[in-house]
């Protein structure tokens, strides 16, 4: 399930980048810049969750914390 969420985040980031490029060509400034910032944040989150830890594990594969 985690890989699905990470994949969806990457696809959404690509869609945001494409939409921002279209809006920049139409002459808008504020909204496309915010879209690019959001895409960068989403890609950063995916990278953080995908980078191996020193023990070789990936944060995305860690089990959830037990619920009290």
N, C-alpha and C. Protein backbone atom coordinates (compact mmCIF):
# COMPACT_ATOMS: atom_id res chain seq x y z
N UNK A 1 0.82 -1.19 0.00
CA UNK A 1 0.00 0.00 0.00
C UNK A 1 0.87 1.26 0.00
N UNK A 2 2.00 1.20 0.70
CA UNK A 2 2.87 2.37 0.76
C UNK A 2 3.46 2.69 -0.60
N UNK A 3 3.82 1.66 -1.37
CA UNK A 3 4.38 1.92 -2.70
C UNK A 3 3.34 2.57 -3.60
N UNK A 4 2.07 2.21 -3.42
CA UNK A 4 1.00 2.85 -4.19
C UNK A 4 0.91 4.33 -3.86
N UNK A 5 0.99 4.67 -2.59
CA UNK A 5 0.90 6.07 -2.16
C UNK A 5 2.09 6.86 -2.68
N UNK A 6 3.28 6.28 -2.59
CA UNK A 6 4.47 6.97 -3.10
C UNK A 6 4.39 7.17 -4.61
N UNK A 7 3.90 6.17 -5.32
CA UNK A 7 3.74 6.29 -6.77
C UNK A 7 2.72 7.36 -7.12
N UNK A 8 1.64 7.40 -6.38
CA UNK A 8 0.61 8.41 -6.60
C UNK A 8 1.15 9.81 -6.34
N UNK A 9 1.99 9.95 -5.32
CA UNK A 9 2.60 11.25 -5.02
C UNK A 9 3.52 11.71 -6.15
N UNK A 10 4.28 10.79 -6.72
CA UNK A 10 5.18 11.15 -7.82
C UNK A 10 4.36 11.54 -9.06
N UNK A 11 3.34 10.77 -9.37
CA UNK A 11 2.50 11.11 -10.52
C UNK A 11 1.81 12.46 -10.33
N UNK A 12 1.36 12.73 -9.12
CA UNK A 12 0.73 14.01 -8.84
C UNK A 12 1.74 15.15 -8.98
N UNK A 13 2.96 14.93 -8.54
CA UNK A 13 4.00 15.95 -8.68
C UNK A 13 4.28 16.24 -10.15
N UNK A 14 4.32 15.20 -10.97
CA UNK A 14 4.54 15.42 -12.41
C UNK A 14 3.37 16.18 -13.03
N UNK A 15 2.15 15.86 -12.61
CA UNK A 15 0.98 16.58 -13.11
C UNK A 15 1.02 18.06 -12.68
N UNK A 16 1.46 18.32 -11.46
CA UNK A 16 1.59 19.70 -10.99
C UNK A 16 2.63 20.47 -11.80
N UNK A 17 3.73 19.80 -12.10
CA UNK A 17 4.78 20.45 -12.90
C UNK A 17 4.27 20.77 -14.29
N UNK A 18 3.58 19.82 -14.91
CA UNK A 18 3.03 20.05 -16.25
C UNK A 18 2.00 21.17 -16.23
N UNK A 19 1.14 21.17 -15.23
CA UNK A 19 0.14 22.24 -15.13
C UNK A 19 0.77 23.60 -14.89
N UNK A 20 1.83 23.63 -14.10
CA UNK A 20 2.52 24.89 -13.85
C UNK A 20 3.17 25.43 -15.12
N UNK A 21 3.72 24.55 -15.92
CA UNK A 21 4.33 25.00 -17.18
C UNK A 21 3.27 25.59 -18.10
N UNK A 22 2.11 24.94 -18.18
CA UNK A 22 1.02 25.46 -19.01
C UNK A 22 0.57 26.83 -18.52
N UNK A 23 0.41 26.98 -17.21
CA UNK A 23 -0.03 28.26 -16.67
C UNK A 23 1.03 29.35 -16.83
N UNK A 24 2.31 28.98 -16.72
CA UNK A 24 3.38 29.97 -16.93
C UNK A 24 3.37 30.48 -18.36
N UNK A 25 3.09 29.60 -19.31
CA UNK A 25 3.02 30.03 -20.72
C UNK A 25 1.83 30.93 -20.99
N UNK A 26 0.78 30.80 -20.18
CA UNK A 26 -0.40 31.66 -20.33
C UNK A 26 -0.20 33.01 -19.65
N UNK A 27 0.88 33.19 -18.94
CA UNK A 27 1.19 34.48 -18.35
C UNK A 27 0.92 34.60 -16.87
N UNK A 28 0.41 33.56 -16.23
CA UNK A 28 0.19 33.64 -14.79
C UNK A 28 1.52 33.44 -14.06
N UNK A 29 1.60 33.96 -12.86
CA UNK A 29 2.87 33.84 -12.12
C UNK A 29 2.70 33.18 -10.75
N UNK A 30 1.77 33.67 -9.95
CA UNK A 30 1.69 33.24 -8.56
C UNK A 30 1.30 31.77 -8.43
N UNK A 31 0.22 31.36 -9.07
CA UNK A 31 -0.26 29.99 -8.93
C UNK A 31 0.74 28.96 -9.47
N UNK A 32 1.35 29.17 -10.64
CA UNK A 32 2.33 28.17 -11.10
C UNK A 32 3.53 28.03 -10.17
N UNK A 33 3.97 29.13 -9.59
CA UNK A 33 5.11 29.06 -8.67
C UNK A 33 4.73 28.24 -7.44
N UNK A 34 3.52 28.46 -6.93
CA UNK A 34 3.06 27.67 -5.78
C UNK A 34 2.92 26.20 -6.15
N UNK A 35 2.48 25.92 -7.37
CA UNK A 35 2.36 24.53 -7.82
C UNK A 35 3.73 23.87 -7.90
N UNK A 36 4.73 24.60 -8.37
CA UNK A 36 6.09 24.06 -8.44
C UNK A 36 6.66 23.81 -7.05
N UNK A 37 6.36 24.70 -6.11
CA UNK A 37 6.82 24.51 -4.74
C UNK A 37 6.18 23.26 -4.14
N UNK A 38 4.88 23.09 -4.37
CA UNK A 38 4.19 21.90 -3.86
C UNK A 38 4.77 20.63 -4.48
N UNK A 39 5.05 20.66 -5.78
CA UNK A 39 5.64 19.49 -6.43
C UNK A 39 7.01 19.17 -5.84
N UNK A 40 7.80 20.19 -5.55
CA UNK A 40 9.12 19.97 -4.95
C UNK A 40 9.00 19.36 -3.55
N UNK A 41 8.02 19.83 -2.78
CA UNK A 41 7.81 19.29 -1.44
C UNK A 41 7.38 17.82 -1.53
N UNK A 42 6.48 17.51 -2.46
CA UNK A 42 6.02 16.13 -2.61
C UNK A 42 7.16 15.21 -3.03
N UNK A 43 7.97 15.65 -3.97
CA UNK A 43 9.11 14.83 -4.41
C UNK A 43 10.11 14.67 -3.27
N UNK A 44 10.31 15.73 -2.49
CA UNK A 44 11.19 15.64 -1.32
C UNK A 44 10.70 14.61 -0.32
N UNK A 45 9.39 14.58 -0.09
CA UNK A 45 8.83 13.59 0.83
C UNK A 45 9.04 12.18 0.32
N UNK A 46 8.85 11.98 -0.97
CA UNK A 46 9.06 10.64 -1.55
C UNK A 46 10.51 10.22 -1.40
N UNK A 47 11.42 11.17 -1.62
CA UNK A 47 12.85 10.86 -1.49
C UNK A 47 13.18 10.49 -0.04
N UNK A 48 12.63 11.25 0.90
CA UNK A 48 12.89 10.96 2.32
C UNK A 48 12.40 9.56 2.68
N UNK A 49 11.22 9.20 2.21
CA UNK A 49 10.66 7.90 2.54
C UNK A 49 11.34 6.76 1.79
N UNK A 50 12.07 7.07 0.71
CA UNK A 50 12.68 6.02 -0.11
C UNK A 50 14.17 5.81 0.16
N UNK A 51 14.84 6.75 0.81
CA UNK A 51 16.28 6.63 1.06
C UNK A 51 16.51 5.59 2.15
N UNK A 52 17.45 4.68 1.94
CA UNK A 52 17.73 3.68 2.97
C UNK A 52 18.36 4.29 4.22
N UNK A 53 18.03 3.73 5.37
CA UNK A 53 18.63 4.15 6.63
C UNK A 53 19.99 3.49 6.76
N UNK A 54 20.79 3.86 7.75
CA UNK A 54 22.10 3.21 7.91
C UNK A 54 22.01 1.69 8.06
N UNK A 55 20.90 1.19 8.58
CA UNK A 55 20.76 -0.26 8.73
C UNK A 55 20.31 -0.94 7.42
N UNK A 56 20.02 -0.14 6.39
CA UNK A 56 19.63 -0.70 5.10
C UNK A 56 18.13 -0.78 4.89
N UNK A 57 17.36 -0.40 5.90
CA UNK A 57 15.90 -0.42 5.77
C UNK A 57 15.43 0.86 5.09
N UNK A 58 14.23 0.79 4.55
CA UNK A 58 13.59 1.96 3.95
C UNK A 58 12.44 2.35 4.86
N UNK A 59 12.27 3.65 5.11
CA UNK A 59 11.22 4.10 6.01
C UNK A 59 9.84 3.66 5.55
N UNK A 60 9.63 3.55 4.25
CA UNK A 60 8.33 3.16 3.72
C UNK A 60 7.99 1.71 4.06
N UNK A 61 8.99 0.88 4.32
CA UNK A 61 8.75 -0.52 4.63
C UNK A 61 8.62 -0.81 6.12
N UNK A 62 8.82 0.20 6.96
CA UNK A 62 8.73 0.00 8.41
C UNK A 62 7.27 -0.25 8.79
N UNK A 63 7.04 -1.15 9.73
CA UNK A 63 5.66 -1.37 10.18
C UNK A 63 5.15 -0.14 10.95
N UNK A 64 3.86 0.00 10.96
CA UNK A 64 3.26 1.12 11.69
C UNK A 64 3.47 0.95 13.18
N UNK A 65 3.39 2.07 13.89
CA UNK A 65 3.52 2.03 15.34
C UNK A 65 2.29 1.35 15.92
N UNK A 66 2.47 0.61 17.01
CA UNK A 66 1.30 -0.03 17.63
C UNK A 66 0.34 1.01 18.17
N UNK A 67 -0.93 0.72 18.04
CA UNK A 67 -1.95 1.65 18.53
C UNK A 67 -2.31 1.31 19.96
N UNK A 68 -2.44 2.34 20.78
CA UNK A 68 -2.77 2.13 22.20
C UNK A 68 -4.24 1.94 22.38
